[in-house]
Amino acid sequence: MEAVGKTYYDFRAELMVRNDEGLTKTYNRFHDPDESDPRIERLRQLHADMDRAVLQAYGWHDIPVDCGFLLDYEDDQESNSRRRKPYRYRWPDDVRDEVLARLLELNAERANEEQAAGIGRS
């Protein structure tokens, strides 16, 4: 995970310097479905690589890491003056929900183990 994270970080830092952009502008481009710059596409691939490494560290090889441009909120253009596009490059809801459910289950298991071992009692 460390190597994949460093690769992502270094690539993103170089991209930001090259484009003279900060994190906000870079991630606005990352989440923009109309953005097709090969460097942004590479950043998306590196993000998927990082997701895959984390899921594999948990042993969750059955969870797909494919992201897509999904609606993040409803955009009522008549009454809404948001400048940000309503799309995010992210996992589908069912994948996100599965990961969160597994993390909650794992957290509960570890809390029970700690309680049984007498760790963390006040």
PDB file of N, CA and C in Angstrom:
ATOM      1  N   MET A   1       0.824  -1.190   0.000  1.00  0.00           N
ATOM      2  CA  MET A   1       0.000   0.000   0.000  1.00  0.00           C
ATOM      3  C   MET A   1       0.873   1.262   0.000  1.00  0.00           C
ATOM      4  N   GLU A   2       1.985   1.181   0.700  1.00  0.00           N
ATOM      5  CA  GLU A   2       2.842   2.362   0.783  1.00  0.00           C
ATOM      6  C   GLU A   2       3.345   2.796  -0.598  1.00  0.00           C
ATOM      7  N   ALA A   3       3.776   1.831  -1.400  1.00  0.00           N
ATOM      8  CA  ALA A   3       4.312   2.153  -2.727  1.00  0.00           C
ATOM      9  C   ALA A   3       3.230   2.745  -3.627  1.00  0.00           C
ATOM     10  N   VAL A   4       2.048   2.155  -3.598  1.00  0.00           N
ATOM     11  CA  VAL A   4       0.942   2.650  -4.423  1.00  0.00           C
ATOM     12  C   VAL A   4       0.547   4.053  -3.970  1.00  0.00           C
ATOM     13  N   GLY A   5       0.489   4.287  -2.667  1.00  0.00           N
ATOM     14  CA  GLY A   5       0.162   5.607  -2.143  1.00  0.00           C
ATOM     15  C   GLY A   5       1.194   6.651  -2.529  1.00  0.00           C
ATOM     16  N   LYS A   6       2.462   6.274  -2.462  1.00  0.00           N
ATOM     17  CA  LYS A   6       3.534   7.206  -2.831  1.00  0.00           C
ATOM     18  C   LYS A   6       3.475   7.530  -4.322  1.00  0.00           C
ATOM     19  N   THR A   7       3.220   6.528  -5.144  1.00  0.00           N
ATOM     20  CA  THR A   7       3.097   6.762  -6.585  1.00  0.00           C
ATOM     21  C   THR A   7       1.970   7.750  -6.863  1.00  0.00           C
ATOM     22  N   TYR A   8       0.837   7.552  -6.209  1.00  0.00           N
ATOM     23  CA  TYR A   8      -0.305   8.452  -6.385  1.00  0.00           C
ATOM     24  C   TYR A   8       0.059   9.866  -5.942  1.00  0.00           C
ATOM     25  N   TYR A   9       0.609   9.976  -4.746  1.00  0.00           N
ATOM     26  CA  TYR A   9       0.966  11.281  -4.181  1.00  0.00           C
ATOM     27  C   TYR A   9       1.952  12.027  -5.082  1.00  0.00           C
ATOM     28  N   ASP A  10       3.010  11.325  -5.500  1.00  0.00           N
ATOM     29  CA  ASP A  10       4.033  11.956  -6.343  1.00  0.00           C
ATOM     30  C   ASP A  10       3.461  12.400  -7.687  1.00  0.00           C
ATOM     31  N   PHE A  11       2.622  11.556  -8.298  1.00  0.00           N
ATOM     32  CA  PHE A  11       2.038  11.907  -9.585  1.00  0.00           C
ATOM     33  C   PHE A  11       1.113  13.119  -9.436  1.00  0.00           C
ATOM     34  N   ARG A  12       0.296  13.097  -8.390  1.00  0.00           N
ATOM     35  CA  ARG A  12      -0.619  14.206  -8.172  1.00  0.00           C
ATOM     36  C   ARG A  12       0.149  15.511  -7.910  1.00  0.00           C
ATOM     37  N   ALA A  13       1.205  15.436  -7.109  1.00  0.00           N
ATOM     38  CA  ALA A  13       2.013  16.632  -6.816  1.00  0.00           C
ATOM     39  C   ALA A  13       2.634  17.184  -8.097  1.00  0.00           C
ATOM     40  N   GLU A  14       3.176  16.308  -8.931  1.00  0.00           N
ATOM     41  CA  GLU A  14       3.790  16.743 -10.197  1.00  0.00           C
ATOM     42  C   GLU A  14       2.729  17.353 -11.114  1.00  0.00           C
ATOM     43  N   LEU A  15       1.550  16.752 -11.146  1.00  0.00           N
ATOM     44  CA  LEU A  15       0.453  17.254 -11.965  1.00  0.00           C
ATOM     45  C   LEU A  15       0.026  18.648 -11.505  1.00  0.00           C
ATOM     46  N   MET A  16      -0.077  18.841 -10.212  1.00  0.00           N
ATOM     47  CA  MET A  16      -0.481  20.133  -9.675  1.00  0.00           C
ATOM     48  C   MET A  16       0.556  21.210  -9.999  1.00  0.00           C
ATOM     49  N   VAL A  17       1.826  20.878  -9.882  1.00  0.00           N
ATOM     50  CA  VAL A  17       2.888  21.836 -10.202  1.00  0.00           C
ATOM     51  C   VAL A  17       2.870  22.150 -11.690  1.00  0.00           C
ATOM     52  N   ARG A  18       2.789  21.113 -12.507  1.00  0.00           N
ATOM     53  CA  ARG A  18       2.792  21.306 -13.964  1.00  0.00           C
ATOM     54  C   ARG A  18       1.650  22.203 -14.418  1.00  0.00           C
ATOM     55  N   ASN A  19       0.476  22.021 -13.809  1.00  0.00           N
ATOM     56  CA  ASN A  19      -0.702  22.788 -14.212  1.00  0.00           C
ATOM     57  C   ASN A  19      -0.892  24.065 -13.397  1.00  0.00           C
ATOM     58  N   ASP A  20      -0.013  24.285 -12.436  1.00  0.00           N
ATOM     59  CA  ASP A  20      -0.132  25.438 -11.533  1.00  0.00           C
ATOM     60  C   ASP A  20      -1.533  25.480 -10.930  1.00  0.00           C
ATOM     61  N   GLU A  21      -1.944  24.328 -10.365  1.00  0.00           N
ATOM     62  CA  GLU A  21      -3.269  24.178  -9.764  1.00  0.00           C
ATOM     63  C   GLU A  21      -3.128  23.612  -8.355  1.00  0.00           C
ATOM     64  N   GLY A  22      -4.070  23.968  -7.499  1.00  0.00           N
ATOM     65  CA  GLY A  22      -4.126  23.398  -6.160  1.00  0.00           C
ATOM     66  C   GLY A  22      -4.975  22.130  -6.138  1.00  0.00           C
ATOM     67  N   LEU A  23      -5.191  21.607  -4.941  1.00  0.00           N
ATOM     68  CA  LEU A  23      -5.981  20.383  -4.786  1.00  0.00           C
ATOM     69  C   LEU A  23      -7.414  20.558  -5.278  1.00  0.00           C
ATOM     70  N   THR A  24      -8.029  21.675  -4.928  1.00  0.00           N
ATOM     71  CA  THR A  24      -9.438  21.866  -5.299  1.00  0.00           C
ATOM     72  C   THR A  24      -9.620  21.839  -6.810  1.00  0.00           C
ATOM     73  N   LYS A  25      -8.834  22.592  -7.520  1.00  0.00           N
ATOM     74  CA  LYS A  25      -8.974  22.628  -8.976  1.00  0.00           C
ATOM     75  C   LYS A  25      -8.642  21.265  -9.589  1.00  0.00           C
ATOM     76  N   THR A  26      -7.599  20.615  -9.059  1.00  0.00           N
ATOM     77  CA  THR A  26      -7.223  19.289  -9.566  1.00  0.00           C
ATOM     78  C   THR A  26      -8.358  18.293  -9.371  1.00  0.00           C
ATOM     79  N   TYR A  27      -8.965  18.273  -8.170  1.00  0.00           N
ATOM     80  CA  TYR A  27     -10.042  17.314  -7.931  1.00  0.00           C
ATOM     81  C   TYR A  27     -11.344  17.720  -8.613  1.00  0.00           C
ATOM     82  N   ASN A  28     -11.557  18.993  -8.855  1.00  0.00           N
ATOM     83  CA  ASN A  28     -12.711  19.379  -9.675  1.00  0.00           C
ATOM     84  C   ASN A  28     -12.559  18.783 -11.075  1.00  0.00           C
ATOM     85  N   ARG A  29     -11.358  18.805 -11.602  1.00  0.00           N
ATOM     86  CA  ARG A  29     -11.103  18.185 -12.909  1.00  0.00           C
ATOM     87  C   ARG A  29     -11.243  16.668 -12.816  1.00  0.00           C
ATOM     88  N   PHE A  30     -10.743  16.080 -11.750  1.00  0.00           N
ATOM     89  CA  PHE A  30     -10.811  14.635 -11.517  1.00  0.00           C
ATOM     90  C   PHE A  30     -12.266  14.150 -11.581  1.00  0.00           C
ATOM     91  N   HIS A  31     -13.178  14.940 -11.002  1.00  0.00           N
ATOM     92  CA  HIS A  31     -14.588  14.546 -10.925  1.00  0.00           C
ATOM     93  C   HIS A  31     -15.424  15.028 -12.109  1.00  0.00           C
ATOM     94  N   ASP A  32     -14.837  15.737 -13.030  1.00  0.00           N
ATOM     95  CA  ASP A  32     -15.566  16.290 -14.169  1.00  0.00           C
ATOM     96  C   ASP A  32     -15.676  15.251 -15.284  1.00  0.00           C
ATOM     97  N   PRO A  33     -16.892  14.820 -15.607  1.00  0.00           N
ATOM     98  CA  PRO A  33     -17.044  13.804 -16.664  1.00  0.00           C
ATOM     99  C   PRO A  33     -16.600  14.283 -18.039  1.00  0.00           C
ATOM    100  N   ASP A  34     -16.486  15.591 -18.222  1.00  0.00           N
ATOM    101  CA  ASP A  34     -16.052  16.123 -19.511  1.00  0.00           C
ATOM    102  C   ASP A  34     -14.538  16.270 -19.608  1.00  0.00           C
ATOM    103  N   GLU A  35     -13.833  15.996 -18.521  1.00  0.00           N
ATOM    104  CA  GLU A  35     -12.369  16.124 -18.498  1.00  0.00           C
ATOM    105  C   GLU A  35     -11.732  14.873 -19.081  1.00  0.00           C
ATOM    106  N   SER A  36     -10.945  15.056 -20.142  1.00  0.00           N
ATOM    107  CA  SER A  36     -10.323  13.891 -20.793  1.00  0.00           C
ATOM    108  C   SER A  36      -8.805  14.029 -20.901  1.00  0.00           C
ATOM    109  N   ASP A  37      -8.226  14.957 -20.159  1.00  0.00           N
ATOM    110  CA  ASP A  37      -6.773  15.090 -20.149  1.00  0.00           C
ATOM    111  C   ASP A  37      -6.159  13.745 -19.733  1.00  0.00           C
ATOM    112  N   PRO A  38      -5.220  13.214 -20.503  1.00  0.00           N
ATOM    113  CA  PRO A  38      -4.625  11.917 -20.171  1.00  0.00           C
ATOM    114  C   PRO A  38      -3.995  11.873 -18.778  1.00  0.00           C
ATOM    115  N   ARG A  39      -3.517  13.004 -18.296  1.00  0.00           N
ATOM    116  CA  ARG A  39      -2.921  13.023 -16.950  1.00  0.00           C
ATOM    117  C   ARG A  39      -3.989  12.886 -15.878  1.00  0.00           C
ATOM    118  N   ILE A  40      -5.160  13.459 -16.096  1.00  0.00           N
ATOM    119  CA  ILE A  40      -6.267  13.299 -15.148  1.00  0.00           C
ATOM    120  C   ILE A  40      -6.776  11.858 -15.212  1.00  0.00           C
ATOM    121  N   GLU A  41      -6.834  11.307 -16.406  1.00  0.00           N
ATOM    122  CA  GLU A  41      -7.234   9.904 -16.537  1.00  0.00           C
ATOM    123  C   GLU A  41      -6.240   8.989 -15.825  1.00  0.00           C
ATOM    124  N   ARG A  42      -4.965   9.323 -15.905  1.00  0.00           N
ATOM    125  CA  ARG A  42      -3.934   8.556 -15.188  1.00  0.00           C
ATOM    126  C   ARG A  42      -4.128   8.690 -13.675  1.00  0.00           C
ATOM    127  N   LEU A  43      -4.463   9.870 -13.200  1.00  0.00           N
ATOM    128  CA  LEU A  43      -4.718  10.070 -11.772  1.00  0.00           C
ATOM    129  C   LEU A  43      -5.892   9.202 -11.322  1.00  0.00           C
ATOM    130  N   ARG A  44      -6.912   9.114 -12.143  1.00  0.00           N
ATOM    131  CA  ARG A  44      -8.063   8.255 -11.823  1.00  0.00           C
ATOM    132  C   ARG A  44      -7.628   6.787 -11.742  1.00  0.00           C
ATOM    133  N   GLN A  45      -6.765   6.357 -12.663  1.00  0.00           N
ATOM    134  CA  GLN A  45      -6.281   4.977 -12.639  1.00  0.00           C
ATOM    135  C   GLN A  45      -5.447   4.720 -11.386  1.00  0.00           C
ATOM    136  N   LEU A  46      -4.603   5.665 -11.028  1.00  0.00           N
ATOM    137  CA  LEU A  46      -3.795   5.508  -9.820  1.00  0.00           C
ATOM    138  C   LEU A  46      -4.673   5.470  -8.574  1.00  0.00           C
ATOM    139  N   HIS A  47      -5.765   6.209  -8.600  1.00  0.00           N
ATOM    140  CA  HIS A  47      -6.717   6.177  -7.488  1.00  0.00           C
ATOM    141  C   HIS A  47      -7.337   4.783  -7.366  1.00  0.00           C
ATOM    142  N   ALA A  48      -7.693   4.194  -8.495  1.00  0.00           N
ATOM    143  CA  ALA A  48      -8.238   2.828  -8.499  1.00  0.00           C
ATOM    144  C   ALA A  48      -7.196   1.831  -7.993  1.00  0.00           C
ATOM    145  N   ASP A  49      -5.944   2.029  -8.362  1.00  0.00           N
ATOM    146  CA  ASP A  49      -4.866   1.161  -7.873  1.00  0.00           C
ATOM    147  C   ASP A  49      -4.771   1.237  -6.350  1.00  0.00           C
ATOM    148  N   MET A  50      -4.919   2.446  -5.807  1.00  0.00           N
ATOM    149  CA  MET A  50      -4.870   2.615  -4.365  1.00  0.00           C
ATOM    150  C   MET A  50      -6.062   1.927  -3.701  1.00  0.00           C
ATOM    151  N   ASP A  51      -7.251   2.108  -4.273  1.00  0.00           N
ATOM    152  CA  ASP A  51      -8.439   1.425  -3.751  1.00  0.00           C
ATOM    153  C   ASP A  51      -8.216  -0.081  -3.721  1.00  0.00           C
ATOM    154  N   ARG A  52      -7.698  -0.604  -4.832  1.00  0.00           N
ATOM    155  CA  ARG A  52      -7.466  -2.047  -4.936  1.00  0.00           C
ATOM    156  C   ARG A  52      -6.487  -2.531  -3.865  1.00  0.00           C
ATOM    157  N   ALA A  53      -5.410  -1.778  -3.636  1.00  0.00           N
ATOM    158  CA  ALA A  53      -4.411  -2.165  -2.642  1.00  0.00           C
ATOM    159  C   ALA A  53      -5.011  -2.197  -1.238  1.00  0.00           C
ATOM    160  N   VAL A  54      -5.844  -1.219  -0.927  1.00  0.00           N
ATOM    161  CA  VAL A  54      -6.462  -1.179   0.406  1.00  0.00           C
ATOM    162  C   VAL A  54      -7.425  -2.353   0.572  1.00  0.00           C
ATOM    163  N   LEU A  55      -8.262  -2.579  -0.419  1.00  0.00           N
ATOM    164  CA  LEU A  55      -9.221  -3.685  -0.321  1.00  0.00           C
ATOM    165  C   LEU A  55      -8.503  -5.031  -0.229  1.00  0.00           C
ATOM    166  N   GLN A  56      -7.427  -5.199  -0.961  1.00  0.00           N
ATOM    167  CA  GLN A  56      -6.664  -6.442  -0.892  1.00  0.00           C
ATOM    168  C   GLN A  56      -6.011  -6.618   0.471  1.00  0.00           C
ATOM    169  N   ALA A  57      -5.597  -5.517   1.099  1.00  0.00           N
ATOM    170  CA  ALA A  57      -5.011  -5.603   2.436  1.00  0.00           C
ATOM    171  C   ALA A  57      -6.033  -6.140   3.439  1.00  0.00           C
ATOM    172  N   TYR A  58      -7.298  -5.832   3.222  1.00  0.00           N
ATOM    173  CA  TYR A  58      -8.362  -6.377   4.063  1.00  0.00           C
ATOM    174  C   TYR A  58      -8.755  -7.791   3.642  1.00  0.00           C
ATOM    175  N   GLY A  59      -8.233  -8.263   2.502  1.00  0.00           N
ATOM    176  CA  GLY A  59      -8.601  -9.575   1.995  1.00  0.00           C
ATOM    177  C   GLY A  59      -9.911  -9.566   1.230  1.00  0.00           C
ATOM    178  N   TRP A  60     -10.348  -8.406   0.823  1.00  0.00           N
ATOM    179  CA  TRP A  60     -11.624  -8.260   0.132  1.00  0.00           C
ATOM    180  C   TRP A  60     -11.389  -8.195  -1.370  1.00  0.00           C
ATOM    181  N   HIS A  61     -11.010  -9.313  -1.931  1.00  0.00           N
ATOM    182  CA  HIS A  61     -10.675  -9.394  -3.357  1.00  0.00           C
ATOM    183  C   HIS A  61     -11.915  -9.411  -4.253  1.00  0.00           C
ATOM    184  N   ASP A  62     -13.084  -9.613  -3.648  1.00  0.00           N
ATOM    185  CA  ASP A  62     -14.323  -9.726  -4.417  1.00  0.00           C
ATOM    186  C   ASP A  62     -15.004  -8.384  -4.679  1.00  0.00           C
ATOM    187  N   ILE A  63     -14.472  -7.312  -4.147  1.00  0.00           N
ATOM    188  CA  ILE A  63     -15.101  -5.999  -4.330  1.00  0.00           C
ATOM    189  C   ILE A  63     -14.496  -5.301  -5.546  1.00  0.00           C
ATOM    190  N   PRO A  64     -15.333  -4.927  -6.498  1.00  0.00           N
ATOM    191  CA  PRO A  64     -14.806  -4.227  -7.683  1.00  0.00           C
ATOM    192  C   PRO A  64     -14.409  -2.798  -7.334  1.00  0.00           C
ATOM    193  N   VAL A  65     -13.374  -2.300  -7.995  1.00  0.00           N
ATOM    194  CA  VAL A  65     -12.913  -0.931  -7.735  1.00  0.00           C
ATOM    195  C   VAL A  65     -13.270   0.020  -8.878  1.00  0.00           C
ATOM    196  N   ASP A  66     -14.093  -0.454  -9.789  1.00  0.00           N
ATOM    197  CA  ASP A  66     -14.456   0.377 -10.933  1.00  0.00           C
ATOM    198  C   ASP A  66     -15.310   1.560 -10.485  1.00  0.00           C
ATOM    199  N   CYS A  67     -14.845   2.740 -10.821  1.00  0.00           N
ATOM    200  CA  CYS A  67     -15.577   3.967 -10.522  1.00  0.00           C
ATOM    201  C   CYS A  67     -16.283   4.453 -11.774  1.00  0.00           C
ATOM    202  N   GLY A  68     -17.201   5.345 -11.564  1.00  0.00           N
ATOM    203  CA  GLY A  68     -17.884   5.984 -12.676  1.00  0.00           C
ATOM    204  C   GLY A  68     -18.318   7.376 -12.263  1.00  0.00           C
ATOM    205  N   PHE A  69     -18.782   8.141 -13.220  1.00  0.00           N
ATOM    206  CA  PHE A  69     -19.289   9.474 -12.934  1.00  0.00           C
ATOM    207  C   PHE A  69     -20.750   9.338 -12.548  1.00  0.00           C
ATOM    208  N   LEU A  70     -20.995   9.469 -11.259  1.00  0.00           N
ATOM    209  CA  LEU A  70     -22.339   9.253 -10.735  1.00  0.00           C
ATOM    210  C   LEU A  70     -22.874  10.539 -10.129  1.00  0.00           C
ATOM    211  N   LEU A  71     -24.170  10.693 -10.216  1.00  0.00           N
ATOM    212  CA  LEU A  71     -24.826  11.861  -9.666  1.00  0.00           C
ATOM    213  C   LEU A  71     -24.627  11.881  -8.153  1.00  0.00           C
ATOM    214  N   ASP A  72     -24.103  12.986  -7.657  1.00  0.00           N
ATOM    215  CA  ASP A  72     -23.829  13.116  -6.229  1.00  0.00           C
ATOM    216  C   ASP A  72     -24.967  13.838  -5.518  1.00  0.00           C
ATOM    217  N   TYR A  73     -25.713  14.650  -6.237  1.00  0.00           N
ATOM    218  CA  TYR A  73     -26.875  15.332  -5.691  1.00  0.00           C
ATOM    219  C   TYR A  73     -27.735  15.798  -6.861  1.00  0.00           C
ATOM    220  N   GLU A  74     -28.986  16.037  -6.582  1.00  0.00           N
ATOM    221  CA  GLU A  74     -29.886  16.562  -7.608  1.00  0.00           C
ATOM    222  C   GLU A  74     -29.573  18.029  -7.830  1.00  0.00           C
ATOM    223  N   ASP A  75     -29.531  18.448  -9.060  1.00  0.00           N
ATOM    224  CA  ASP A  75     -29.191  19.824  -9.394  1.00  0.00           C
ATOM    225  C   ASP A  75     -30.401  20.497 -10.036  1.00  0.00           C
ATOM    226  N   ASP A  76     -31.132  21.263  -9.239  1.00  0.00           N
ATOM    227  CA  ASP A  76     -32.267  22.018  -9.739  1.00  0.00           C
ATOM    228  C   ASP A  76     -31.743  23.380 -10.185  1.00  0.00           C
ATOM    229  N   GLN A  77     -31.524  23.529 -11.474  1.00  0.00           N
ATOM    230  CA  GLN A  77     -30.859  24.724 -11.991  1.00  0.00           C
ATOM    231  C   GLN A  77     -31.677  26.000 -11.777  1.00  0.00           C
ATOM    232  N   GLU A  78     -32.981  25.887 -11.630  1.00  0.00           N
ATOM    233  CA  GLU A  78     -33.794  27.082 -11.428  1.00  0.00           C
ATOM    234  C   GLU A  78     -33.607  27.665 -10.037  1.00  0.00           C
ATOM    235  N   SER A  79     -33.460  26.810  -9.029  1.00  0.00           N
ATOM    236  CA  SER A  79     -33.380  27.306  -7.660  1.00  0.00           C
ATOM    237  C   SER A  79     -32.011  27.080  -7.020  1.00  0.00           C
ATOM    238  N   ASN A  80     -31.093  26.495  -7.752  1.00  0.00           N
ATOM    239  CA  ASN A  80     -29.797  26.144  -7.171  1.00  0.00           C
ATOM    240  C   ASN A  80     -28.697  26.890  -7.905  1.00  0.00           C
ATOM    241  N   SER A  81     -27.867  27.584  -7.136  1.00  0.00           N
ATOM    242  CA  SER A  81     -26.799  28.344  -7.773  1.00  0.00           C
ATOM    243  C   SER A  81     -25.430  27.704  -7.539  1.00  0.00           C
ATOM    244  N   ARG A  82     -25.384  26.414  -7.257  1.00  0.00           N
ATOM    245  CA  ARG A  82     -24.101  25.736  -7.057  1.00  0.00           C
ATOM    246  C   ARG A  82     -23.269  25.821  -8.328  1.00  0.00           C
ATOM    247  N   ARG A  83     -21.985  26.067  -8.167  1.00  0.00           N
ATOM    248  CA  ARG A  83     -21.095  26.115  -9.327  1.00  0.00           C
ATOM    249  C   ARG A  83     -20.521  24.737  -9.630  1.00  0.00           C
ATOM    250  N   ARG A  84     -20.439  23.895  -8.622  1.00  0.00           N
ATOM    251  CA  ARG A  84     -19.861  22.567  -8.787  1.00  0.00           C
ATOM    252  C   ARG A  84     -20.828  21.668  -9.551  1.00  0.00           C
ATOM    253  N   LYS A  85     -20.271  20.846 -10.416  1.00  0.00           N
ATOM    254  CA  LYS A  85     -21.115  19.898 -11.147  1.00  0.00           C
ATOM    255  C   LYS A  85     -21.628  18.838 -10.179  1.00  0.00           C
ATOM    256  N   PRO A  86     -22.807  18.288 -10.444  1.00  0.00           N
ATOM    257  CA  PRO A  86     -23.385  17.329  -9.508  1.00  0.00           C
ATOM    258  C   PRO A  86     -22.829  15.906  -9.640  1.00  0.00           C
ATOM    259  N   TYR A  87     -21.733  15.736 -10.345  1.00  0.00           N
ATOM    260  CA  TYR A  87     -21.183  14.402 -10.534  1.00  0.00           C
ATOM    261  C   TYR A  87     -19.896  14.225  -9.754  1.00  0.00           C
ATOM    262  N   ARG A  88     -19.664  12.988  -9.328  1.00  0.00           N
ATOM    263  CA  ARG A  88     -18.420  12.618  -8.663  1.00  0.00           C
ATOM    264  C   ARG A  88     -17.923  11.333  -9.329  1.00  0.00           C
ATOM    265  N   TYR A  89     -16.619  11.229  -9.434  1.00  0.00           N
ATOM    266  CA  TYR A  89     -16.014  10.000  -9.947  1.00  0.00           C
ATOM    267  C   TYR A  89     -15.830   9.103  -8.733  1.00  0.00           C
ATOM    268  N   ARG A  90     -16.694   8.103  -8.609  1.00  0.00           N
ATOM    269  CA  ARG A  90     -16.722   7.317  -7.383  1.00  0.00           C
ATOM    270  C   ARG A  90     -17.273   5.923  -7.635  1.00  0.00           C
ATOM    271  N   TRP A  91     -17.239   5.129  -6.559  1.00  0.00           N
ATOM    272  CA  TRP A  91     -17.835   3.802  -6.610  1.00  0.00           C
ATOM    273  C   TRP A  91     -19.353   3.925  -6.690  1.00  0.00           C
ATOM    274  N   PRO A  92     -19.987   2.933  -7.309  1.00  0.00           N
ATOM    275  CA  PRO A  92     -21.454   2.891  -7.263  1.00  0.00           C
ATOM    276  C   PRO A  92     -21.920   2.736  -5.808  1.00  0.00           C
ATOM    277  N   ASP A  93     -23.144   3.151  -5.533  1.00  0.00           N
ATOM    278  CA  ASP A  93     -23.661   3.123  -4.164  1.00  0.00           C
ATOM    279  C   ASP A  93     -23.593   1.734  -3.537  1.00  0.00           C
ATOM    280  N   ASP A  94     -23.920   0.689  -4.314  1.00  0.00           N
ATOM    281  CA  ASP A  94     -23.922  -0.655  -3.735  1.00  0.00           C
ATOM    282  C   ASP A  94     -22.520  -1.095  -3.318  1.00  0.00           C
ATOM    283  N   VAL A  95     -21.496  -0.698  -4.061  1.00  0.00           N
ATOM    284  CA  VAL A  95     -20.116  -1.038  -3.701  1.00  0.00           C
ATOM    285  C   VAL A  95     -19.719  -0.266  -2.451  1.00  0.00           C
ATOM    286  N   ARG A  96     -19.974   1.040  -2.448  1.00  0.00           N
ATOM    287  CA  ARG A  96     -19.675   1.857  -1.266  1.00  0.00           C
ATOM    288  C   ARG A  96     -20.370   1.303  -0.027  1.00  0.00           C
ATOM    289  N   ASP A  97     -21.653   0.950  -0.164  1.00  0.00           N
ATOM    290  CA  ASP A  97     -22.410   0.427   0.969  1.00  0.00           C
ATOM    291  C   ASP A  97     -21.832  -0.889   1.471  1.00  0.00           C
ATOM    292  N   GLU A  98     -21.388  -1.745   0.558  1.00  0.00           N
ATOM    293  CA  GLU A  98     -20.777  -3.015   0.950  1.00  0.00           C
ATOM    294  C   GLU A  98     -19.485  -2.788   1.722  1.00  0.00           C
ATOM    295  N   VAL A  99     -18.642  -1.893   1.250  1.00  0.00           N
ATOM    296  CA  VAL A  99     -17.385  -1.594   1.946  1.00  0.00           C
ATOM    297  C   VAL A  99     -17.679  -1.039   3.333  1.00  0.00           C
ATOM    298  N   LEU A 100     -18.606  -0.100   3.421  1.00  0.00           N
ATOM    299  CA  LEU A 100     -18.949   0.473   4.727  1.00  0.00           C
ATOM    300  C   LEU A 100     -19.522  -0.578   5.668  1.00  0.00           C
ATOM    301  N   ALA A 101     -20.368  -1.465   5.155  1.00  0.00           N
ATOM    302  CA  ALA A 101     -20.938  -2.526   5.989  1.00  0.00           C
ATOM    303  C   ALA A 101     -19.836  -3.446   6.522  1.00  0.00           C
ATOM    304  N   ARG A 102     -18.878  -3.793   5.671  1.00  0.00           N
ATOM    305  CA  ARG A 102     -17.781  -4.653   6.118  1.00  0.00           C
ATOM    306  C   ARG A 102     -16.895  -3.945   7.142  1.00  0.00           C
ATOM    307  N   LEU A 103     -16.662  -2.657   6.940  1.00  0.00           N
ATOM    308  CA  LEU A 103     -15.860  -1.904   7.908  1.00  0.00           C
ATOM    309  C   LEU A 103     -16.570  -1.806   9.258  1.00  0.00           C
ATOM    310  N   LEU A 104     -17.879  -1.585   9.234  1.00  0.00           N
ATOM    311  CA  LEU A 104     -18.639  -1.549  10.480  1.00  0.00           C
ATOM    312  C   LEU A 104     -18.600  -2.897  11.195  1.00  0.00           C
ATOM    313  N   GLU A 105     -18.735  -3.966  10.429  1.00  0.00           N
ATOM    314  CA  GLU A 105     -18.671  -5.308  11.006  1.00  0.00           C
ATOM    315  C   GLU A 105     -17.292  -5.573  11.606  1.00  0.00           C
ATOM    316  N   LEU A 106     -16.254  -5.214  10.890  1.00  0.00           N
ATOM    317  CA  LEU A 106     -14.895  -5.388  11.381  1.00  0.00           C
ATOM    318  C   LEU A 106     -14.662  -4.561  12.645  1.00  0.00           C
ATOM    319  N   ASN A 107     -15.159  -3.348  12.667  1.00  0.00           N
ATOM    320  CA  ASN A 107     -15.025  -2.492  13.839  1.00  0.00           C
ATOM    321  C   ASN A 107     -15.721  -3.110  15.050  1.00  0.00           C
ATOM    322  N   ALA A 108     -16.909  -3.643  14.839  1.00  0.00           N
ATOM    323  CA  ALA A 108     -17.646  -4.281  15.939  1.00  0.00           C
ATOM    324  C   ALA A 108     -16.898  -5.509  16.449  1.00  0.00           C
ATOM    325  N   GLU A 109     -16.350  -6.310  15.535  1.00  0.00           N
ATOM    326  CA  GLU A 109     -15.577  -7.495  15.939  1.00  0.00           C
ATOM    327  C   GLU A 109     -14.374  -7.093  16.789  1.00  0.00           C
ATOM    328  N   ARG A 110     -13.661  -6.081  16.353  1.00  0.00           N
ATOM    329  CA  ARG A 110     -12.479  -5.635  17.098  1.00  0.00           C
ATOM    330  C   ARG A 110     -12.858  -5.034  18.440  1.00  0.00           C
ATOM    331  N   ALA A 111     -13.950  -4.311  18.504  1.00  0.00           N
ATOM    332  CA  ALA A 111     -14.416  -3.755  19.775  1.00  0.00           C
ATOM    333  C   ALA A 111     -14.765  -4.876  20.740  1.00  0.00           C
ATOM    334  N   ASN A 112     -15.424  -5.924  20.232  1.00  0.00           N
ATOM    335  CA  ASN A 112     -15.758  -7.081  21.083  1.00  0.00           C
ATOM    336  C   ASN A 112     -14.500  -7.787  21.570  1.00  0.00           C
ATOM    337  N   GLU A 113     -13.508  -7.932  20.696  1.00  0.00           N
ATOM    338  CA  GLU A 113     -12.241  -8.555  21.088  1.00  0.00           C
ATOM    339  C   GLU A 113     -11.536  -7.736  22.165  1.00  0.00           C
ATOM    340  N   GLU A 114     -11.535  -6.423  22.012  1.00  0.00           N
ATOM    341  CA  GLU A 114     -10.909  -5.559  22.999  1.00  0.00           C
ATOM    342  C   GLU A 114     -11.638  -5.614  24.339  1.00  0.00           C
ATOM    343  N   GLN A 115     -12.970  -5.656  24.252  1.00  0.00           N
ATOM    344  CA  GLN A 115     -13.751  -5.728  25.483  1.00  0.00           C
ATOM    345  C   GLN A 115     -13.478  -7.051  26.193  1.00  0.00           C
ATOM    346  N   ALA A 116     -13.437  -8.137  25.426  1.00  0.00           N
ATOM    347  CA  ALA A 116     -13.167  -9.455  26.020  1.00  0.00           C
ATOM    348  C   ALA A 116     -11.772  -9.519  26.641  1.00  0.00           C
ATOM    349  N   ALA A 117     -10.820  -8.774  26.056  1.00  0.00           N
ATOM    350  CA  ALA A 117      -9.454  -8.761  26.573  1.00  0.00           C
ATOM    351  C   ALA A 117      -9.260  -7.717  27.677  1.00  0.00           C
ATOM    352  N   GLY A 118     -10.322  -6.929  27.955  1.00  0.00           N
ATOM    353  CA  GLY A 118     -10.220  -5.915  28.986  1.00  0.00           C
ATOM    354  C   GLY A 118      -9.477  -4.663  28.535  1.00  0.00           C
ATOM    355  N   ILE A 119      -9.375  -4.497  27.249  1.00  0.00           N
ATOM    356  CA  ILE A 119      -8.689  -3.315  26.698  1.00  0.00           C
ATOM    357  C   ILE A 119      -9.732  -2.216  26.467  1.00  0.00           C
ATOM    358  N   GLY A 120      -9.339  -1.002  26.794  1.00  0.00           N
ATOM    359  CA  GLY A 120     -10.194   0.132  26.491  1.00  0.00           C
ATOM    360  C   GLY A 120     -11.288   0.372  27.515  1.00  0.00           C
ATOM    361  N   ARG A 121     -11.263  -0.326  28.626  1.00  0.00           N
ATOM    362  CA  ARG A 121     -12.268  -0.082  29.666  1.00  0.00           C
ATOM    363  C   ARG A 121     -11.870   1.122  30.480  1.00  0.00           C
ATOM    364  N   SER A 122     -12.865   1.914  30.839  1.00  0.00           N
ATOM    365  CA  SER A 122     -12.606   3.104  31.658  1.00  0.00           C
ATOM    366  C   SER A 122     -12.753   2.778  33.125  1.00  0.00           C
TER     367      SER A 122
END
